[in-house]
N, C-alpha and C. Protein backbone atom coordinates (compact mmCIF):
# COMPACT_ATOMS: atom_id res chain seq x y z
N MET A 1 100.70 129.23 80.58
CA MET A 1 99.30 128.90 80.50
C MET A 1 99.19 127.60 79.60
N SER A 2 98.11 126.56 80.06
CA SER A 2 97.84 125.81 79.20
C SER A 2 96.68 125.55 78.44
N ARG A 3 96.72 124.86 77.32
CA ARG A 3 95.79 124.80 76.25
C ARG A 3 94.28 124.79 76.58
N PRO A 4 93.40 124.87 75.88
CA PRO A 4 92.33 124.59 76.54
C PRO A 4 91.80 123.62 75.86
N ARG A 5 91.26 122.08 76.63
CA ARG A 5 90.84 120.91 76.04
C ARG A 5 89.71 120.80 75.34
N ARG A 6 89.47 120.15 74.24
CA ARG A 6 88.61 120.08 73.42
C ARG A 6 87.74 118.55 73.99
N VAL A 7 86.69 118.91 74.18
CA VAL A 7 86.00 117.72 74.47
C VAL A 7 84.62 117.53 73.66
N ASP A 8 84.37 116.00 73.82
CA ASP A 8 83.43 115.33 72.45
C ASP A 8 81.77 116.01 72.96
N PRO A 9 81.09 116.38 72.27
CA PRO A 9 79.92 117.36 72.34
C PRO A 9 78.94 116.17 72.74
N ALA A 10 79.25 115.26 72.41
CA ALA A 10 78.30 114.26 73.30
C ALA A 10 78.47 113.51 74.78
N LEU A 11 79.65 113.86 75.00
CA LEU A 11 80.10 113.75 76.50
C LEU A 11 79.92 114.72 77.02
N VAL A 12 79.77 115.58 76.76
CA VAL A 12 79.40 116.97 77.39
C VAL A 12 77.62 116.65 77.96
N SER A 13 76.71 116.42 76.79
CA SER A 13 75.79 116.11 77.15
C SER A 13 75.15 115.07 78.13
N ARG A 14 76.24 113.68 77.75
CA ARG A 14 75.89 112.83 78.51
C ARG A 14 76.39 113.43 80.16
N ALA A 15 77.26 114.10 80.28
CA ALA A 15 78.11 114.93 81.94
C ALA A 15 76.57 115.72 82.42
N GLU A 16 75.92 116.27 81.69
CA GLU A 16 74.65 117.41 82.06
C GLU A 16 73.49 116.57 82.45
N ALA A 17 73.35 115.42 81.82
CA ALA A 17 72.28 114.33 82.13
C ALA A 17 72.83 113.59 83.60
N VAL A 18 73.76 113.27 83.96
CA VAL A 18 74.50 112.61 85.04
C VAL A 18 74.50 113.83 86.15
N VAL A 19 74.78 115.37 86.02
CA VAL A 19 74.65 116.16 86.91
C VAL A 19 73.28 116.29 87.37
N ALA A 20 72.38 116.03 86.58
CA ALA A 20 71.01 116.36 86.73
C ALA A 20 70.45 115.39 87.45
N GLN A 21 70.97 113.97 87.39
CA GLN A 21 70.26 112.84 88.02
C GLN A 21 71.52 112.04 88.69
N ALA A 22 72.53 112.46 89.53
CA ALA A 22 73.76 111.99 89.82
C ALA A 22 73.08 111.23 91.09
N ARG A 23 73.43 110.12 91.27
CA ARG A 23 73.03 108.88 92.63
C ARG A 23 73.87 109.45 93.87
N ASN A 24 75.25 109.80 93.23
CA ASN A 24 76.26 109.70 94.66
C ASN A 24 77.36 110.85 94.22
N ALA A 25 78.12 111.46 95.03
CA ALA A 25 78.88 112.61 94.83
C ALA A 25 80.22 112.36 93.95
N ARG A 26 80.93 111.01 93.94
CA ARG A 26 81.28 110.73 92.94
C ARG A 26 81.29 110.74 91.30
N GLU A 27 79.67 110.38 91.05
CA GLU A 27 79.55 110.72 89.75
C GLU A 27 79.15 112.29 89.40
N LEU A 28 78.52 113.01 90.66
CA LEU A 28 78.34 114.48 90.27
C LEU A 28 79.78 114.88 90.20
N ARG A 29 80.65 115.04 91.09
CA ARG A 29 82.34 115.34 90.84
C ARG A 29 82.60 114.99 89.10
N ALA A 30 82.73 113.66 88.94
CA ALA A 30 83.14 113.53 87.77
C ALA A 30 82.65 113.76 86.15
N ALA A 31 81.43 114.28 86.78
CA ALA A 31 80.58 114.60 85.72
C ALA A 31 80.94 116.35 85.69
N GLN A 32 81.25 116.72 86.67
CA GLN A 32 81.41 118.15 86.69
C GLN A 32 82.92 118.48 86.15
N ALA A 33 84.02 117.32 86.46
CA ALA A 33 84.93 117.77 85.83
C ALA A 33 85.08 117.55 84.56
N VAL A 34 84.55 116.98 83.98
CA VAL A 34 84.08 117.14 82.48
C VAL A 34 83.73 118.51 81.88
N LEU A 35 82.41 119.01 82.74
CA LEU A 35 81.59 119.89 82.16
C LEU A 35 82.00 121.15 82.22
N LEU A 36 83.37 121.55 83.56
CA LEU A 36 83.61 122.67 83.78
C LEU A 36 84.79 123.22 82.64
N PRO A 37 85.36 122.20 82.21
CA PRO A 37 86.32 122.50 81.53
C PRO A 37 85.88 122.93 79.97
N ALA A 38 84.97 122.11 79.52
CA ALA A 38 84.08 121.90 78.22
C ALA A 38 83.01 123.23 78.17
N VAL A 39 82.39 123.51 79.26
CA VAL A 39 81.47 124.53 78.94
C VAL A 39 82.36 126.17 79.93
N ALA A 40 83.01 126.20 80.57
CA ALA A 40 83.30 127.26 81.72
C ALA A 40 84.91 127.57 80.89
N GLY A 41 84.91 126.46 80.08
CA GLY A 41 86.51 126.62 79.76
C GLY A 41 87.92 126.89 81.10
N THR A 42 87.57 126.26 81.94
CA THR A 42 88.47 126.03 82.85
C THR A 42 89.67 125.50 82.35
N THR A 43 90.76 125.37 83.23
CA THR A 43 92.19 124.47 83.05
C THR A 43 91.83 123.54 84.40
N LEU A 44 92.51 122.43 84.41
CA LEU A 44 92.40 121.46 85.42
C LEU A 44 93.05 122.01 86.70
N GLU A 45 93.61 122.95 86.85
CA GLU A 45 93.87 123.63 88.05
C GLU A 45 92.60 124.35 88.66
N GLN A 46 92.09 125.07 87.91
CA GLN A 46 90.97 125.69 88.26
C GLN A 46 89.63 125.05 88.98
N THR A 47 89.64 123.86 87.46
CA THR A 47 88.70 122.88 87.95
C THR A 47 88.95 122.30 89.48
N ALA A 48 90.12 121.94 89.68
CA ALA A 48 90.21 121.08 91.05
C ALA A 48 90.06 122.25 92.24
N LYS A 49 90.24 123.44 92.01
CA LYS A 49 89.91 124.15 93.15
C LYS A 49 88.49 124.55 93.06
N VAL A 50 87.81 124.65 91.82
CA VAL A 50 85.96 124.60 92.44
C VAL A 50 85.53 123.44 92.90
N LEU A 51 86.24 122.22 92.43
CA LEU A 51 85.71 120.85 93.11
C LEU A 51 86.33 120.58 94.17
N GLY A 52 87.37 121.45 94.96
CA GLY A 52 88.00 120.86 96.11
C GLY A 52 88.85 119.55 96.11
N VAL A 53 89.70 119.47 94.75
CA VAL A 53 90.43 118.14 94.90
C VAL A 53 91.31 118.38 94.18
N GLY A 54 92.55 117.78 94.08
CA GLY A 54 93.82 118.18 93.45
C GLY A 54 93.65 117.87 92.11
N ARG A 55 94.82 118.44 90.85
CA ARG A 55 94.86 118.50 89.80
C ARG A 55 95.07 117.15 88.83
N ALA A 56 95.40 116.10 89.66
CA ALA A 56 95.25 114.72 89.25
C ALA A 56 94.02 114.10 89.52
N THR A 57 93.63 114.44 90.86
CA THR A 57 92.27 114.14 90.78
C THR A 57 91.04 114.15 89.60
N VAL A 58 91.66 115.74 89.02
CA VAL A 58 90.40 115.93 88.25
C VAL A 58 90.54 115.27 86.73
N ALA A 59 92.02 114.81 86.42
CA ALA A 59 92.24 114.60 85.39
C ALA A 59 91.90 112.65 85.82
N ARG A 60 91.97 112.22 86.62
CA ARG A 60 91.48 110.89 87.05
C ARG A 60 89.95 110.74 86.88
N LEU A 61 89.11 111.32 87.45
CA LEU A 61 87.61 111.85 87.61
C LEU A 61 86.98 111.79 85.86
N GLN A 62 87.85 112.37 85.05
CA GLN A 62 87.54 112.76 83.91
C GLN A 62 87.71 111.26 83.10
N GLY A 63 88.59 110.65 83.36
CA GLY A 63 88.88 109.36 82.49
C GLY A 63 87.89 108.37 83.30
N TRP A 64 87.50 108.18 84.53
CA TRP A 64 86.48 107.43 85.33
C TRP A 64 85.35 107.72 84.32
N PHE A 65 84.79 108.58 84.46
CA PHE A 65 83.43 109.19 83.59
C PHE A 65 83.46 108.56 82.05
N ARG A 66 84.74 108.97 81.34
CA ARG A 66 84.74 108.21 80.06
C ARG A 66 84.62 107.06 79.94
N GLN A 67 85.56 106.31 80.64
CA GLN A 67 85.31 105.01 81.24
C GLN A 67 83.47 104.07 81.17
N ARG A 68 83.44 105.04 82.49
CA ARG A 68 82.12 104.57 82.91
C ARG A 68 80.82 104.79 81.99
N GLU A 69 81.10 105.63 80.99
CA GLU A 69 80.25 106.11 79.70
C GLU A 69 80.26 104.83 78.87
N ARG A 70 81.65 104.29 78.73
CA ARG A 70 81.87 103.74 77.47
C ARG A 70 81.37 102.00 77.36
N ALA A 71 81.34 101.64 78.80
CA ALA A 71 81.17 100.24 80.03
C ALA A 71 79.85 100.06 79.48
N PRO A 72 79.30 98.85 79.49
CA PRO A 72 77.84 98.16 79.35
C PRO A 72 77.19 99.00 80.43
N ILE A 73 75.62 99.12 80.50
CA ILE A 73 74.82 99.18 81.44
C ILE A 73 75.13 98.68 82.68
N GLY A 74 74.84 98.68 83.50
CA GLY A 74 75.33 97.96 84.69
C GLY A 74 76.57 97.68 85.48
N VAL A 75 77.42 97.80 84.62
CA VAL A 75 79.06 97.65 84.94
C VAL A 75 79.82 98.58 85.43
N GLU A 76 80.29 98.36 86.22
CA GLU A 76 81.18 99.41 86.89
C GLU A 76 82.70 99.33 86.56
N PRO A 77 83.56 99.97 85.60
CA PRO A 77 84.99 100.09 85.44
C PRO A 77 85.62 99.96 86.50
N ARG A 78 86.63 98.99 86.02
CA ARG A 78 87.51 98.42 87.08
C ARG A 78 88.33 99.78 87.60
N ARG A 79 88.84 99.57 88.88
CA ARG A 79 89.47 100.49 89.46
C ARG A 79 90.73 100.25 89.36
N ARG A 80 92.07 101.06 89.49
CA ARG A 80 93.15 100.82 89.06
C ARG A 80 93.95 101.31 90.15
N TRP A 81 93.51 102.10 90.99
CA TRP A 81 94.49 102.64 92.14
C TRP A 81 94.56 101.72 93.23
N GLY A 82 95.40 101.66 93.60
CA GLY A 82 95.69 100.52 94.72
C GLY A 82 96.53 99.54 94.50
N GLY A 83 96.40 98.67 95.50
CA GLY A 83 96.92 97.32 94.90
C GLY A 83 97.92 96.90 95.59
N ARG A 84 98.83 95.42 95.64
CA ARG A 84 99.91 95.40 95.92
C ARG A 84 101.12 95.21 94.48
N ARG A 85 101.18 96.48 93.82
CA ARG A 85 102.05 96.34 92.44
C ARG A 85 103.12 95.81 92.74
N GLN A 86 103.81 96.17 93.73
CA GLN A 86 105.20 96.17 94.11
C GLN A 86 105.40 94.92 95.50
N ALA A 87 104.80 94.02 95.07
CA ALA A 87 104.99 93.37 96.42
C ALA A 87 106.26 92.08 95.86
N LEU A 88 107.05 91.72 96.97
CA LEU A 88 108.35 91.07 96.60
C LEU A 88 107.32 89.72 96.74
N LEU A 89 106.65 89.35 97.44
CA LEU A 89 106.21 88.01 97.37
C LEU A 89 104.46 88.02 97.47
N SER A 90 103.77 86.82 97.10
CA SER A 90 102.43 86.81 97.29
C SER A 90 102.14 86.73 98.70
N GLU A 91 101.00 86.97 98.79
CA GLU A 91 100.32 86.65 100.37
C GLU A 91 100.43 85.19 100.57
N ALA A 92 100.26 84.26 99.74
CA ALA A 92 100.79 82.96 100.04
C ALA A 92 101.93 82.51 100.34
N GLU A 93 102.77 83.34 99.60
CA GLU A 93 104.30 83.11 99.77
C GLU A 93 105.09 83.83 101.33
N GLU A 94 104.18 85.01 101.64
CA GLU A 94 104.57 85.55 102.95
C GLU A 94 104.31 84.43 103.72
N LYS A 95 102.69 84.02 104.05
CA LYS A 95 102.49 82.96 104.42
C LYS A 95 103.53 81.89 105.37
N GLY A 96 103.80 81.60 103.84
CA GLY A 96 104.68 80.36 104.04
C GLY A 96 105.90 80.38 104.34
N PHE A 97 106.66 81.89 103.90
CA PHE A 97 107.80 82.15 104.57
C PHE A 97 107.78 82.59 106.12
N LEU A 98 107.16 83.30 106.36
CA LEU A 98 107.02 83.19 108.16
C LEU A 98 106.34 81.99 108.84
N ALA A 99 105.81 81.25 108.10
CA ALA A 99 105.40 79.55 109.14
C ALA A 99 106.66 78.88 109.74
N SER A 100 108.04 79.08 108.86
CA SER A 100 109.02 78.42 109.33
C SER A 100 109.48 79.32 110.59
N TRP A 101 109.30 80.39 111.04
CA TRP A 101 109.95 81.21 111.88
C TRP A 101 108.64 81.24 113.05
N GLU A 102 107.61 81.14 112.54
CA GLU A 102 106.45 81.32 113.55
C GLU A 102 106.73 79.76 114.48
N VAL A 103 107.18 78.50 113.90
CA VAL A 103 107.45 77.45 114.63
C VAL A 103 108.42 77.67 115.70
N ARG A 104 109.34 78.25 115.32
CA ARG A 104 110.96 78.59 116.02
C ARG A 104 110.16 79.59 116.96
N ALA A 105 109.32 80.50 117.10
CA ALA A 105 108.65 81.38 117.67
C ALA A 105 107.93 80.90 118.96
N LYS A 106 107.09 79.64 118.39
CA LYS A 106 106.43 78.96 119.24
C LYS A 106 106.88 78.15 120.17
N ALA A 107 107.90 77.85 119.81
CA ALA A 107 108.98 76.87 120.80
C ALA A 107 109.82 77.67 121.89
N GLY A 108 109.78 78.92 121.75
CA GLY A 108 110.30 79.55 122.82
C GLY A 108 111.46 80.80 122.84
N GLU A 109 111.53 79.99 121.02
CA GLU A 109 113.06 81.11 120.56
C GLU A 109 112.71 82.58 120.17
N LEU A 110 113.84 83.38 120.66
CA LEU A 110 113.15 84.59 120.05
C LEU A 110 113.62 84.71 118.74
N VAL A 111 112.95 85.48 117.93
CA VAL A 111 113.02 85.64 116.57
C VAL A 111 113.74 87.17 116.18
N VAL A 112 114.79 87.51 115.83
CA VAL A 112 115.42 88.45 116.02
C VAL A 112 115.26 88.87 114.28
N LEU A 113 114.58 90.33 114.06
CA LEU A 113 114.25 90.55 112.67
C LEU A 113 115.39 90.62 111.88
N SER A 114 116.50 91.10 112.60
CA SER A 114 117.71 90.98 111.61
C SER A 114 117.96 89.62 111.00
N GLU A 115 118.13 88.56 111.41
CA GLU A 115 118.03 87.18 110.61
C GLU A 115 117.01 86.73 109.88
N LEU A 116 115.78 87.50 110.07
CA LEU A 116 114.30 87.15 109.26
C LEU A 116 114.73 88.52 107.91
N ARG A 117 115.00 89.43 108.39
CA ARG A 117 116.05 90.34 106.98
C ARG A 117 116.44 89.37 106.25
N MET A 118 117.74 89.05 106.50
CA MET A 118 118.44 88.33 105.75
C MET A 118 118.27 87.22 105.17
N ALA A 119 117.29 86.32 105.66
CA ALA A 119 116.54 85.36 105.42
C ALA A 119 116.04 85.77 103.84
N LEU A 120 114.81 86.84 104.03
CA LEU A 120 114.05 87.18 103.33
C LEU A 120 115.00 87.58 102.23
N SER A 121 115.77 88.68 102.25
CA SER A 121 117.15 88.73 101.09
C SER A 121 117.57 87.67 100.20
N GLU A 122 117.63 86.61 100.72
CA GLU A 122 118.11 85.13 100.27
C GLU A 122 116.72 84.91 99.35
N ARG A 123 115.97 84.96 99.97
CA ARG A 123 114.69 84.19 99.30
C ARG A 123 114.41 85.20 98.24
N VAL A 124 114.01 86.48 98.08
CA VAL A 124 113.60 87.30 97.03
C VAL A 124 114.83 87.68 96.09
N GLY A 125 116.24 87.18 96.54
CA GLY A 125 117.49 87.36 95.67
C GLY A 125 118.12 88.89 95.52
N HIS A 126 117.89 89.71 96.35
CA HIS A 126 118.43 91.16 96.58
C HIS A 126 118.14 91.48 97.90
N GLY A 127 118.88 92.70 97.98
CA GLY A 127 118.65 93.50 99.57
C GLY A 127 117.26 94.09 100.03
N VAL A 128 117.06 93.86 101.28
CA VAL A 128 115.34 94.58 101.49
C VAL A 128 115.52 95.45 102.46
N ALA A 129 115.07 96.57 102.33
CA ALA A 129 115.04 97.72 103.34
C ALA A 129 114.58 97.26 104.88
N PRO A 130 115.06 97.83 106.00
CA PRO A 130 114.29 97.32 107.32
C PRO A 130 112.27 97.44 106.99
N SER A 131 112.06 98.45 106.79
CA SER A 131 110.87 98.88 106.72
C SER A 131 109.74 98.02 105.97
N VAL A 132 110.36 97.38 104.77
CA VAL A 132 109.52 96.08 103.68
C VAL A 132 109.54 95.36 105.11
N LEU A 133 110.41 94.94 105.80
CA LEU A 133 110.21 93.83 106.84
C LEU A 133 109.25 93.86 107.81
N TYR A 134 109.35 95.07 108.36
CA TYR A 134 108.88 95.61 109.71
C TYR A 134 107.20 95.79 108.98
N ARG A 135 106.57 96.12 107.78
CA ARG A 135 105.34 95.87 107.06
C ARG A 135 105.30 94.52 106.86
N LEU A 136 105.76 93.81 106.63
CA LEU A 136 105.89 92.15 106.09
C LEU A 136 104.91 91.74 107.18
N VAL A 137 105.85 91.71 108.41
CA VAL A 137 105.15 91.01 109.47
C VAL A 137 103.92 91.69 110.47
N ALA A 138 103.87 93.17 110.42
CA ALA A 138 102.42 93.83 110.96
C ALA A 138 101.72 93.20 109.79
N ARG A 139 101.43 93.36 108.48
CA ARG A 139 100.55 92.45 107.76
C ARG A 139 100.19 91.77 107.99
N ASN A 140 101.23 90.40 108.56
CA ASN A 140 100.76 89.57 108.78
C ASN A 140 100.22 89.28 110.06
N GLY A 141 99.96 89.97 110.97
CA GLY A 141 99.70 89.80 112.45
C GLY A 141 100.83 89.62 113.08
N TRP A 142 101.85 89.80 113.06
CA TRP A 142 102.90 89.59 113.89
C TRP A 142 103.01 90.96 114.78
N ARG A 143 103.47 90.89 116.18
CA ARG A 143 103.96 92.03 116.91
C ARG A 143 105.07 91.61 117.93
N LYS A 144 105.31 92.72 118.25
CA LYS A 144 106.82 92.71 119.33
C LYS A 144 106.00 92.32 120.38
N VAL A 145 107.01 91.57 120.82
CA VAL A 145 106.67 90.66 122.27
C VAL A 145 108.01 90.79 122.78
N ALA A 146 108.14 91.52 124.22
CA ALA A 146 109.43 91.88 124.62
C ALA A 146 109.62 90.54 125.62
N PRO A 147 110.97 90.40 125.81
CA PRO A 147 111.19 89.47 127.09
C PRO A 147 110.54 89.86 128.33
N ASP A 148 110.61 88.89 129.31
CA ASP A 148 110.11 89.56 130.71
C ASP A 148 111.08 90.84 131.08
N THR A 149 110.62 91.32 132.29
CA THR A 149 111.24 92.17 132.65
C THR A 149 112.54 91.77 133.62
N ARG A 150 112.35 90.67 134.33
CA ARG A 150 112.99 90.22 134.86
C ARG A 150 113.48 89.01 134.75
N HIS A 151 114.80 88.20 135.25
CA HIS A 151 114.93 86.67 134.90
C HIS A 151 114.02 85.57 135.79
N PRO A 152 113.62 84.75 134.98
CA PRO A 152 113.01 83.95 135.29
C PRO A 152 113.47 82.86 136.65
N LYS A 153 114.85 82.85 136.86
CA LYS A 153 115.25 82.22 137.92
C LYS A 153 115.89 82.87 138.93
N THR A 154 114.88 84.13 139.04
CA THR A 154 115.27 85.35 140.22
C THR A 154 114.84 84.80 141.48
N ASP A 155 115.56 84.97 142.32
CA ASP A 155 115.07 84.75 143.58
C ASP A 155 114.78 85.95 144.37
N LEU A 156 113.61 86.36 144.44
CA LEU A 156 113.07 87.61 145.27
C LEU A 156 113.18 87.94 146.61
N ALA A 157 113.41 86.72 147.39
CA ALA A 157 113.84 86.40 148.74
C ALA A 157 115.08 87.11 149.33
N ALA A 158 115.85 86.33 148.38
CA ALA A 158 117.75 86.78 148.32
C ALA A 158 117.50 88.15 147.89
N GLN A 159 116.95 88.63 147.05
CA GLN A 159 117.02 90.12 146.81
C GLN A 159 116.70 91.34 147.87
N GLN A 160 115.38 91.04 148.40
CA GLN A 160 114.87 91.46 149.89
C GLN A 160 116.15 91.49 150.87
N GLU A 161 116.62 90.00 150.80
CA GLU A 161 117.50 89.84 151.94
C GLU A 161 118.66 90.77 152.12
N TRP A 162 118.99 91.08 150.69
CA TRP A 162 120.48 91.97 150.39
C TRP A 162 119.95 92.96 150.81
N LYS A 163 118.85 93.71 150.02
CA LYS A 163 118.53 95.35 149.94
C LYS A 163 118.41 95.26 151.67
N LYS A 164 118.14 94.29 152.69
CA LYS A 164 118.18 94.69 154.18
C LYS A 164 119.38 94.91 154.66
N ASN A 165 119.90 94.14 153.94
CA ASN A 165 121.72 94.05 154.56
C ASN A 165 122.54 95.08 153.99
N ALA A 166 122.09 95.79 153.00
CA ALA A 166 123.06 97.16 152.18
C ALA A 166 122.48 98.10 152.74
N SER A 167 121.61 98.54 153.71
CA SER A 167 121.19 99.71 153.94
C SER A 167 122.14 99.97 155.70
């Protein structure tokens, strides 16, 4: 069983005020995430069950509430969740990398992703998983364009003649 969390009484009184005048669901949940352990003595797991969120979200809500209370009035604390934290290239570098391949594709050449993957590996200096490349091309609006289902020099009349004679 986890130890009970000690909460600042001033923070509890501010949370009570926010619960009474919450403007949106996030503010209400964050204040409740602070109040339930302080007033009712619930654990993070129990608080999460009551609020209908995960255990990690309760801790995140408590942190957000504390940040919000320390921030100047009218300033929303910066969100730290999400973003391109592990990107191999910046957005501009990705566009520049794909630009040379785009020229070749517009000239009618087939762009094979295995070649593109090798070039990307050389650019970043280490191996790259295929899924990384698929996400990169999708993120930049590329899509699979398959070649025609028949050869451009197909002679339909000759094919029909052959079918007639074959039976």
